[in-house]
Amino acid sequence: MISKTAIRLTTMAAALGIAVLAPATASAASVKDETIRAYMHDGHATFKGHGEHLYACDEAFDGDTIVAKLWVDGKLRAKVEDENGAAAGCGHFDDAIKDGTKVAVQVCHKEDGSCSGRVYGTA
């Protein structure tokens, strides 16, 4: 006959195993699906790690053009403009970057060259 202690230990081990495995699974998913966003007062740049998509989004009807820049290993890899200004839709660039690669995104004004700081994350 199985003792109550053996049942309790088995139950505790199973519960502990689930608690240990769950964070590892969630962590792996969150790295792959990471979204990085840099802001300026009238637009933003967004990088989505799942599929490696870069977006430039203008949010002001001011005649300026918003540019998103993607940095990989400290080097400028891509840039995209929101060519329709604040009208619906954002500029888009699709890339292929190895999962786990360190990246940074930055948003800039095309007209005067001013830029936000870089925001870092992982592809």
Protein backbone atom coordinates (compact mmCIF):
# COMPACT_ATOMS: atom_id res chain seq x y z
CA MET A 1 0.00 0.00 0.00
CA ILE A 2 1.26 3.51 -0.86
CA SER A 3 1.83 5.75 2.14
CA LYS A 4 0.38 9.23 2.47
CA THR A 5 3.93 10.60 2.59
CA ALA A 6 4.79 9.03 -0.79
CA ILE A 7 1.65 10.54 -2.33
CA ARG A 8 2.46 13.98 -0.88
CA LEU A 9 6.06 13.84 -2.16
CA THR A 10 4.92 12.78 -5.63
CA THR A 11 2.35 15.58 -5.73
CA MET A 12 4.90 18.14 -4.55
CA ALA A 13 7.47 16.98 -7.12
CA ALA A 14 4.92 17.22 -9.93
CA ALA A 15 3.89 20.71 -8.84
CA LEU A 16 7.50 21.81 -8.57
CA GLY A 17 8.29 20.41 -12.02
CA ILE A 18 5.47 22.41 -13.56
CA ALA A 19 6.57 25.59 -11.77
CA VAL A 20 10.15 25.14 -13.02
CA LEU A 21 9.16 24.42 -16.64
CA ALA A 22 6.51 27.11 -17.09
CA PRO A 23 8.81 30.17 -16.83
CA ALA A 24 11.33 28.69 -19.28
CA THR A 25 8.62 28.17 -21.89
CA ALA A 26 7.17 31.65 -21.41
CA SER A 27 10.63 33.22 -21.54
CA ALA A 28 11.49 31.57 -24.86
CA ALA A 29 8.23 32.80 -26.41
CA SER A 30 8.65 36.38 -25.18
CA VAL A 31 12.15 36.74 -26.70
CA LYS A 32 10.99 35.62 -30.14
CA ASP A 33 7.94 37.90 -30.08
CA GLU A 34 9.65 40.97 -28.60
CA THR A 35 8.43 44.36 -29.84
CA ILE A 36 10.75 47.36 -29.52
CA ARG A 37 9.45 50.91 -29.95
CA ALA A 38 11.20 54.29 -30.05
CA TYR A 39 9.15 57.51 -29.77
CA MET A 40 9.38 61.15 -30.77
CA HIS A 41 6.64 63.72 -30.16
CA ASP A 42 5.04 63.15 -33.58
CA GLY A 43 5.87 59.58 -34.57
CA HIS A 44 7.44 56.27 -33.66
CA ALA A 45 9.55 53.42 -34.96
CA THR A 46 8.58 49.84 -34.16
CA PHE A 47 10.54 46.61 -34.60
CA LYS A 48 8.72 43.31 -34.21
CA GLY A 49 11.07 40.41 -33.49
CA HIS A 50 8.68 37.77 -34.83
CA GLY A 51 9.21 38.04 -38.58
CA GLU A 52 11.68 40.93 -38.19
CA HIS A 53 9.42 43.78 -39.30
CA LEU A 54 10.41 47.46 -39.04
CA TYR A 55 7.75 50.21 -39.15
CA ALA A 56 7.94 54.01 -39.38
CA CYS A 57 4.71 55.68 -38.24
CA ASP A 58 4.00 59.41 -38.59
CA GLU A 59 1.34 60.70 -36.19
CA ALA A 60 1.27 64.44 -37.00
CA PHE A 61 -0.02 66.40 -39.99
CA ASP A 62 3.01 68.70 -39.98
CA GLY A 63 4.73 67.99 -43.29
CA ASP A 64 7.67 66.19 -41.66
CA THR A 65 8.65 62.65 -42.65
CA ILE A 66 9.25 60.01 -39.97
CA VAL A 67 12.13 57.57 -40.57
CA ALA A 68 12.68 54.32 -38.64
CA LYS A 69 16.23 52.97 -38.38
CA LEU A 70 17.24 49.42 -37.46
CA TRP A 71 20.69 48.80 -36.00
CA VAL A 72 22.21 45.30 -35.84
CA ASP A 73 25.53 44.71 -34.11
CA GLY A 74 26.01 48.49 -33.86
CA LYS A 75 25.69 49.03 -37.63
CA LEU A 76 22.81 50.60 -39.53
CA ARG A 77 21.03 47.67 -41.21
CA ALA A 78 17.88 49.28 -42.60
CA LYS A 79 15.78 52.39 -42.64
CA VAL A 80 12.23 52.99 -43.79
CA GLU A 81 10.13 56.15 -44.20
CA ASP A 82 6.44 56.73 -43.61
CA GLU A 83 5.95 58.18 -47.09
CA ASN A 84 2.27 59.10 -46.69
CA GLY A 85 2.77 61.28 -43.62
CA ALA A 86 0.11 61.00 -40.94
CA ALA A 87 -2.39 59.35 -43.31
CA ALA A 88 -3.40 55.77 -42.47
CA GLY A 89 -0.66 53.17 -42.66
CA CYS A 90 3.02 53.12 -41.75
CA GLY A 91 6.19 52.61 -43.75
CA HIS A 92 7.29 48.95 -43.57
CA PHE A 93 10.48 46.94 -44.11
CA ASP A 94 10.68 43.15 -43.77
CA ASP A 95 14.07 41.64 -42.85
CA ALA A 96 15.56 38.28 -41.89
CA ILE A 97 17.66 38.38 -38.73
CA LYS A 98 18.79 35.36 -36.73
CA ASP A 99 16.73 34.85 -33.56
CA GLY A 100 18.55 36.07 -30.47
CA THR A 101 20.50 38.79 -32.31
CA LYS A 102 20.80 42.09 -30.41
CA VAL A 103 19.14 44.95 -32.28
CA ALA A 104 18.24 48.60 -31.71
CA VAL A 105 15.54 50.81 -33.20
CA GLN A 106 15.54 54.58 -33.57
CA VAL A 107 13.05 57.14 -34.92
CA CYS A 108 14.15 60.27 -36.81
CA HIS A 109 12.85 63.30 -38.73
CA LYS A 110 14.03 63.22 -42.34
CA GLU A 111 13.93 67.01 -42.75
CA ASP A 112 16.21 68.09 -39.91
CA GLY A 113 17.95 64.80 -39.06
CA SER A 114 16.93 64.86 -35.38
CA CYS A 115 16.59 61.39 -33.83
CA SER A 116 15.51 59.69 -30.64
CA GLY A 117 17.95 57.61 -28.67
CA ARG A 118 18.28 53.97 -29.66
CA VAL A 119 16.04 51.45 -27.91
CA TYR A 120 17.64 48.01 -27.56
CA GLY A 121 16.15 44.54 -27.72
CA THR A 122 16.47 41.13 -29.34
CA ALA A 123 15.31 39.82 -32.73
